[in-house]
Amino acid sequence: MSAATTRTLVTGGAGFIGRYVVERLVAQGHRVRSLGRTPSPEIAALGVETVQGDLADREAVIRACDGVDEVHHIAACVELWHDPGELSRTNVDGTRHVLEACARGGVERLVFTSSASVVFGGEDQEGVDESVSYPRRFVNRYAETKAHAEQLVLEANGRGVFRTLALRPHLVWGPRDTHFIPNLIARARTGRLVQIGDGRNRVDVTYVENLADAHLLAAERLRDDPTIGGRPFFISQGEPVDAWGFVGLLLDRLGLPRPAHRLSYRRAYAMAALAEAAWMIIRRPGGPPLTRFLVSQMARSHHFDISAARRVLGYRPLVSTAEGVDRLVAAMPAGGR
């Protein structure tokens, strides 16, 4: 079957990352189906078949996978402070359901959106590659469930004709973002954004359209060379940025104030631990204003070697960080509203 007639399922096709993947698949002539919790008229308007269902609903996932050749498994619970049971049901059990449905339906390949957080244990990581191990202790439940799901996906590779691989993007951002950019804007606008650490830490970021390109490249390479299956690949811009310099640039371009105050890593981490303990006791809805994971992410260096993605998948970040910022700003009104 030619690439132009590939039958493809995208879980979370109406989400931030999923919609970019869907749009690229449609543009390339694929027959696309999207699985999501809620109706998605914007996706249906593209000529995409939509299936409404939850990853935790085994039967819905089986229906969604029926008759498709490849799956881009993107849907996940991405809240960093969330009910542990819900995180497991969506990220781990949901992935099990997808893999089971792929086996039942004879799906040939699956590309999984993992996260660079699956190898982050709270310490600096500078230029590490895929040989780095999972941490002995995870910084939060989200990273732990994504790591568990990634392991399930990679272990499923080679069962019959089924081939899988995982992409590990870091700090995905761009137009239509529903997490990183909106949270940054909300904190800056209300004066709650505080610089953590000395501001010299360097991090990887990933422009969302580059990640979408990586998904399609990965599926194509899996089809042409099944021997590359069973591996994870870091995905990023390939050019680490100064974390707080990047945040400051975004705020400047959006007409928002930069942080007026700074906390040391040690003090911020202690405050986050106390906030988490308080939230566990009083069980308030939503998450605390500061978590140990967030503190570590914003104060530590964490950037990764994407040589494997370049060499094996043919990945190239076609949209530079500077151009990505331009596109983001152009898509948003002044002040980020």
Protein backbone atom coordinates (compact mmCIF):
# COMPACT_ATOMS: atom_id res chain seq x y z
CA MET A 1 0.00 0.00 0.00
CA SER A 2 1.42 3.39 -0.94
CA ALA A 3 2.04 6.14 1.57
CA ALA A 4 -0.69 8.19 -0.09
CA THR A 5 -3.34 5.60 0.83
CA THR A 6 -2.09 4.74 4.31
CA ARG A 7 -4.91 4.46 6.83
CA THR A 8 -3.76 6.30 9.93
CA LEU A 9 -5.16 6.84 13.43
CA VAL A 10 -4.09 9.78 15.56
CA THR A 11 -5.06 9.55 19.21
CA GLY A 12 -5.61 13.04 20.56
CA GLY A 13 -5.93 14.35 17.01
CA ALA A 14 -7.77 17.48 18.14
CA GLY A 15 -5.12 18.34 20.75
CA PHE A 16 -2.19 20.72 20.49
CA ILE A 17 0.35 18.31 18.98
CA GLY A 18 -2.16 15.93 17.44
CA ARG A 19 -3.82 18.55 15.29
CA TYR A 20 -0.53 19.48 13.62
CA VAL A 21 0.12 15.80 12.91
CA VAL A 22 -3.39 15.39 11.50
CA GLU A 23 -3.00 18.42 9.25
CA ARG A 24 0.26 17.09 7.82
CA LEU A 25 -1.16 13.63 7.25
CA VAL A 26 -4.18 15.06 5.44
CA ALA A 27 -1.93 17.29 3.30
CA GLN A 28 0.05 14.21 2.26
CA GLY A 29 -3.07 12.35 1.18
CA HIS A 30 -3.38 9.88 4.03
CA ARG A 31 -6.76 8.56 5.14
CA VAL A 32 -6.94 9.85 8.70
CA ARG A 33 -9.01 8.95 11.71
CA SER A 34 -8.85 10.82 15.03
CA LEU A 35 -9.72 9.54 18.50
CA GLY A 36 -10.66 12.10 21.14
CA ARG A 37 -12.78 12.60 24.23
CA THR A 38 -14.94 15.37 22.81
CA PRO A 39 -16.42 16.20 19.38
CA SER A 40 -13.91 17.95 17.11
CA PRO A 41 -15.65 19.77 14.24
CA GLU A 42 -12.38 21.49 13.22
CA ILE A 43 -10.81 18.10 12.58
CA ALA A 44 -13.92 16.74 10.85
CA ALA A 45 -13.87 19.79 8.54
CA LEU A 46 -10.51 18.56 7.22
CA GLY A 47 -12.16 15.36 5.99
CA VAL A 48 -10.94 13.36 8.98
CA GLU A 49 -13.05 10.56 10.41
CA THR A 50 -13.58 11.28 14.10
CA VAL A 51 -14.19 8.72 16.82
CA GLN A 52 -15.29 9.97 20.23
CA GLY A 53 -13.91 8.00 23.13
CA ASP A 54 -11.53 7.88 26.06
CA LEU A 55 -8.24 5.99 26.14
CA ALA A 56 -9.47 4.31 29.33
CA ASP A 57 -12.42 2.91 27.33
CA ARG A 58 -10.97 -0.29 25.88
CA GLU A 59 -13.82 -0.90 23.45
CA ALA A 60 -13.65 2.65 22.06
CA VAL A 61 -9.93 2.27 21.44
CA ILE A 62 -10.47 -1.06 19.69
CA ARG A 63 -13.06 0.55 17.39
CA ALA A 64 -10.71 3.42 16.63
CA CYS A 65 -7.84 1.10 15.67
CA ASP A 66 -9.93 -1.17 13.47
CA GLY A 67 -8.81 -1.13 9.85
CA VAL A 68 -5.82 1.20 10.18
CA ASP A 69 -2.22 0.60 9.12
CA GLU A 70 -0.40 2.94 11.50
CA VAL A 71 -1.07 4.79 14.73
CA HIS A 72 0.33 8.03 16.09
CA HIS A 73 -0.36 7.69 19.80
CA ILE A 74 -0.29 11.26 21.10
CA ALA A 75 -3.22 11.50 23.53
CA ALA A 76 -2.20 11.66 27.17
CA CYS A 77 -2.93 13.29 30.49
CA VAL A 78 -0.27 16.00 30.61
CA GLU A 79 -1.21 17.75 33.85
CA LEU A 80 1.87 17.85 36.09
CA TRP A 81 -0.27 17.84 39.25
CA HIS A 82 -3.18 15.51 38.81
CA ASP A 83 -5.04 12.62 40.36
CA PRO A 84 -2.54 9.70 40.29
CA GLY A 85 -5.29 7.30 39.36
CA GLU A 86 -6.32 9.37 36.35
CA LEU A 87 -2.71 9.71 35.20
CA SER A 88 -2.30 5.93 35.31
CA ARG A 89 -5.63 5.21 33.66
CA THR A 90 -4.91 7.53 30.76
CA ASN A 91 -1.17 7.27 30.25
CA VAL A 92 -0.51 3.66 31.21
CA ASP A 93 -3.79 1.74 30.91
CA GLY A 94 -4.74 3.82 27.87
CA THR A 95 -1.48 2.90 26.16
CA ARG A 96 -2.08 -0.77 26.99
CA HIS A 97 -5.48 -0.47 25.32
CA VAL A 98 -3.94 1.07 22.22
CA LEU A 99 -1.32 -1.68 21.97
CA GLU A 100 -3.94 -4.39 22.47
CA ALA A 101 -6.15 -2.81 19.81
CA CYS A 102 -3.19 -2.62 17.41
CA ALA A 103 -2.51 -6.33 17.92
CA ARG A 104 -6.16 -7.25 17.36
CA GLY A 105 -6.47 -5.06 14.29
CA GLY A 106 -3.20 -6.01 12.62
CA VAL A 107 -1.75 -2.49 12.81
CA GLU A 108 1.75 -2.46 11.33
CA ARG A 109 3.45 0.42 13.15
CA LEU A 110 3.01 2.89 15.99
CA VAL A 111 4.79 6.14 16.78
CA PHE A 112 4.41 7.21 20.41
CA THR A 113 4.72 10.74 21.78
CA SER A 114 6.77 10.22 24.92
CA SER A 115 8.64 12.98 26.76
CA ALA A 116 12.22 13.86 27.65
CA SER A 117 10.90 14.00 31.22
CA VAL A 118 10.98 10.18 31.34
CA VAL A 119 14.74 10.34 32.03
CA PHE A 120 14.74 13.44 34.25
CA GLY A 121 15.51 12.81 37.89
CA GLY A 122 15.91 16.42 38.98
CA GLU A 123 19.62 16.83 38.22
CA ASP A 124 21.35 18.66 35.38
CA GLN A 125 21.39 16.78 32.07
CA GLU A 126 23.63 18.28 29.42
CA GLY A 127 23.89 16.74 25.96
CA VAL A 128 22.79 13.27 27.06
CA ASP A 129 21.68 10.74 24.45
CA GLU A 130 19.28 7.79 24.46
CA SER A 131 21.74 5.60 26.39
CA VAL A 132 20.78 7.43 29.60
CA SER A 133 18.72 5.27 31.95
CA TYR A 134 15.38 6.01 33.54
CA PRO A 135 15.92 7.61 36.97
CA ARG A 136 15.68 5.51 40.11
CA ARG A 137 13.16 8.02 41.44
CA PHE A 138 10.90 10.15 39.26
CA VAL A 139 10.33 13.80 40.04
CA ASN A 140 6.57 13.49 39.60
CA ARG A 141 3.83 11.05 38.72
CA TYR A 142 3.40 12.40 35.20
CA ALA A 143 6.99 11.54 34.23
CA GLU A 144 6.67 8.13 35.87
CA THR A 145 3.51 7.23 33.94
CA LYS A 146 4.97 8.43 30.65
CA ALA A 147 8.08 6.32 31.26
CA HIS A 148 5.92 3.29 32.02
CA ALA A 149 3.91 3.85 28.84
CA GLU A 150 7.09 4.30 26.80
CA GLN A 151 8.44 0.99 28.06
CA LEU A 152 5.20 -0.76 27.11
CA VAL A 153 5.40 0.70 23.60
CA LEU A 154 9.03 -0.24 23.03
CA GLU A 155 8.55 -3.75 24.44
CA ALA A 156 5.68 -4.31 21.99
CA ASN A 157 8.02 -3.84 19.02
CA GLY A 158 8.56 -6.98 16.98
CA ARG A 159 5.39 -8.81 17.95
CA GLY A 160 4.57 -10.22 14.55
CA VAL A 161 4.73 -7.46 11.95
CA PHE A 162 4.13 -4.76 14.56
CA ARG A 163 6.85 -2.10 14.84
CA THR A 164 7.02 0.76 17.34
CA LEU A 165 9.23 3.65 18.37
CA ALA A 166 8.99 6.57 20.78
CA LEU A 167 9.73 10.26 20.32
CA ARG A 168 10.93 12.24 23.33
CA PRO A 169 10.26 15.95 22.72
CA HIS A 170 11.05 18.56 25.34
CA LEU A 171 9.06 21.73 26.17
CA VAL A 172 6.82 21.73 23.10
CA TRP A 173 5.50 25.18 22.20
CA GLY A 174 3.96 27.13 19.34
CA PRO A 175 0.63 28.53 18.13
CA ARG A 176 -2.45 26.83 19.65
CA ASP A 177 -0.45 25.72 22.71
CA THR A 178 -2.79 24.98 25.62
CA HIS A 179 -0.28 24.54 28.45
CA PHE A 180 3.21 26.04 28.44
CA ILE A 181 2.50 29.40 26.78
CA PRO A 182 -0.91 30.05 28.44
CA ASN A 183 0.52 29.23 31.89
CA LEU A 184 3.50 31.49 31.26
CA ILE A 185 1.26 34.34 30.14
CA ALA A 186 -1.12 33.94 33.10
CA ARG A 187 1.70 34.05 35.62
CA ALA A 188 3.41 37.02 33.96
CA ARG A 189 0.20 39.02 33.68
CA THR A 190 -0.65 38.57 37.36
CA GLY A 191 2.89 39.13 38.62
CA ARG A 192 3.24 35.54 39.84
CA LEU A 193 6.13 34.64 37.54
CA VAL A 194 9.37 34.42 39.51
CA GLN A 195 12.77 33.51 38.14
CA ILE A 196 14.10 30.38 39.79
CA GLY A 197 17.85 29.90 39.96
CA ASP A 198 20.64 32.06 38.55
CA GLY A 199 19.25 32.05 35.00
CA ARG A 200 22.29 30.38 33.46
CA ASN A 201 20.71 26.95 32.93
CA ARG A 202 20.30 25.82 29.34
CA VAL A 203 17.34 23.77 28.12
CA ASP A 204 15.99 22.22 24.96
CA VAL A 205 12.72 23.44 23.47
CA THR A 206 10.72 21.96 20.59
CA TYR A 207 8.64 23.94 18.13
CA VAL A 208 5.43 21.99 17.58
CA GLU A 209 5.59 21.81 13.77
CA ASN A 210 9.04 20.26 13.97
CA LEU A 211 7.64 17.57 16.26
CA ALA A 212 4.82 16.93 13.78
CA ASP A 213 7.43 16.49 11.05
CA ALA A 214 9.29 14.03 13.29
CA HIS A 215 6.12 11.96 13.67
CA LEU A 216 5.66 11.58 9.94
CA LEU A 217 9.35 10.88 9.36
CA ALA A 218 9.32 8.22 12.07
CA ALA A 219 6.31 6.44 10.56
CA GLU A 220 7.87 6.54 7.11
CA ARG A 221 11.19 5.17 8.34
CA LEU A 222 9.44 2.40 10.30
CA ARG A 223 7.62 1.39 7.13
CA ASP A 224 10.80 1.35 5.04
CA ASP A 225 13.17 -0.11 7.65
CA PRO A 226 11.46 -2.11 10.41
CA THR A 227 14.84 -2.78 12.07
CA ILE A 228 14.82 0.72 13.62
CA GLY A 229 11.84 -0.20 15.79
CA GLY A 230 11.98 -0.54 19.54
CA ARG A 231 13.98 2.64 20.10
CA PRO A 232 13.36 6.06 21.66
CA PHE A 233 14.56 9.28 20.02
CA PHE A 234 15.05 12.71 21.58
CA ILE A 235 13.47 15.50 19.53
CA SER A 236 14.18 19.22 19.92
CA GLN A 237 15.32 22.33 18.08
CA GLY A 238 18.86 21.01 18.28
CA GLU A 239 20.01 24.29 19.79
CA PRO A 240 19.66 24.64 23.58
CA VAL A 241 18.54 28.03 24.85
CA ASP A 242 19.14 29.93 28.08
CA ALA A 243 15.92 29.03 29.89
CA TRP A 244 15.15 32.44 31.37
CA GLY A 245 16.49 34.28 28.34
CA PHE A 246 14.01 32.35 26.19
CA VAL A 247 11.17 33.10 28.61
CA GLY A 248 12.17 36.77 28.65
CA LEU A 249 12.22 36.90 24.84
CA LEU A 250 8.71 35.46 24.63
CA LEU A 251 7.42 37.89 27.23
CA ASP A 252 9.08 40.86 25.48
CA ARG A 253 7.56 39.90 22.15
CA LEU A 254 4.11 39.48 23.74
CA GLY A 255 4.34 42.81 25.54
CA LEU A 256 4.37 41.25 29.00
CA PRO A 257 6.65 42.06 31.95
CA ARG A 258 9.66 39.92 32.76
CA PRO A 259 9.91 38.45 36.27
CA ALA A 260 10.69 41.13 38.82
CA HIS A 261 11.87 38.72 41.50
CA ARG A 262 14.22 35.75 41.76
CA LEU A 263 14.37 32.77 44.11
CA SER A 264 17.36 30.52 44.66
CA TYR A 265 16.90 26.91 43.63
CA ARG A 266 17.27 25.68 47.21
CA ARG A 267 14.67 28.08 48.61
CA ALA A 268 12.21 27.50 45.73
CA TYR A 269 12.53 23.73 46.10
CA ALA A 270 11.79 23.92 49.84
CA MET A 271 8.79 26.16 49.22
CA ALA A 272 7.51 23.75 46.54
CA ALA A 273 7.82 20.77 48.88
CA LEU A 274 5.78 22.60 51.52
CA ALA A 275 3.17 23.65 48.96
CA GLU A 276 2.79 20.07 47.72
CA ALA A 277 2.39 18.79 51.27
CA ALA A 278 -0.25 21.44 51.99
CA TRP A 279 -2.18 20.56 48.83
CA MET A 280 -2.13 16.88 49.75
CA ILE A 281 -3.59 17.68 53.17
CA ILE A 282 -6.28 20.16 52.19
CA ARG A 283 -7.01 18.49 48.81
CA ARG A 284 -7.67 21.72 46.98
CA PRO A 285 -8.64 21.45 43.30
CA GLY A 286 -5.88 22.08 40.79
CA GLY A 287 -2.21 22.05 41.64
CA PRO A 288 -0.09 24.14 44.01
CA PRO A 289 1.45 27.34 42.60
CA LEU A 290 4.89 25.74 42.79
CA THR A 291 5.97 22.08 42.52
CA ARG A 292 9.36 20.42 42.88
CA PHE A 293 9.15 19.25 39.27
CA LEU A 294 8.50 22.78 38.01
CA VAL A 295 11.33 24.18 40.15
CA SER A 296 13.76 21.58 38.82
CA GLN A 297 12.66 22.14 35.23
CA MET A 298 13.12 25.90 35.48
CA ALA A 299 16.43 25.92 37.38
CA ARG A 300 18.33 22.88 36.05
CA SER A 301 19.97 22.39 32.66
CA HIS A 302 18.37 19.70 30.54
CA HIS A 303 19.25 19.39 26.89
CA PHE A 304 19.72 16.33 24.76
CA ASP A 305 21.73 14.95 21.86
CA ILE A 306 19.44 14.51 18.84
CA SER A 307 22.10 12.88 16.64
CA ALA A 308 20.17 9.59 16.55
CA ALA A 309 17.01 11.30 15.28
CA ARG A 310 19.02 13.12 12.63
CA ARG A 311 20.87 9.98 11.51
CA VAL A 312 18.17 7.31 11.77
CA LEU A 313 14.96 9.25 11.12
CA GLY A 314 16.36 11.96 8.86
CA TYR A 315 14.97 14.54 11.28
CA ARG A 316 15.85 18.19 10.77
CA PRO A 317 14.21 21.01 12.74
CA LEU A 318 13.06 22.97 9.69
CA VAL A 319 11.53 25.80 11.73
CA SER A 320 14.24 27.62 13.69
CA THR A 321 13.59 28.85 17.22
CA ALA A 322 13.64 32.46 16.02
CA GLU A 323 11.13 31.75 13.25
CA GLY A 324 8.98 29.75 15.67
CA VAL A 325 8.82 32.74 18.01
CA ASP A 326 7.79 34.94 15.07
CA ARG A 327 5.00 32.50 14.16
CA LEU A 328 3.80 32.27 17.74
CA VAL A 329 3.69 36.04 18.19
CA ALA A 330 1.92 36.50 14.84
CA ALA A 331 -0.76 34.03 15.92
CA MET A 332 -1.46 35.83 19.19
CA PRO A 333 -2.85 39.29 19.92
CA ALA A 334 -0.77 41.80 21.86
CA GLY A 335 -0.40 40.92 25.51
CA GLY A 336 -1.07 37.25 24.77
CA ARG A 337 -4.80 37.59 25.21
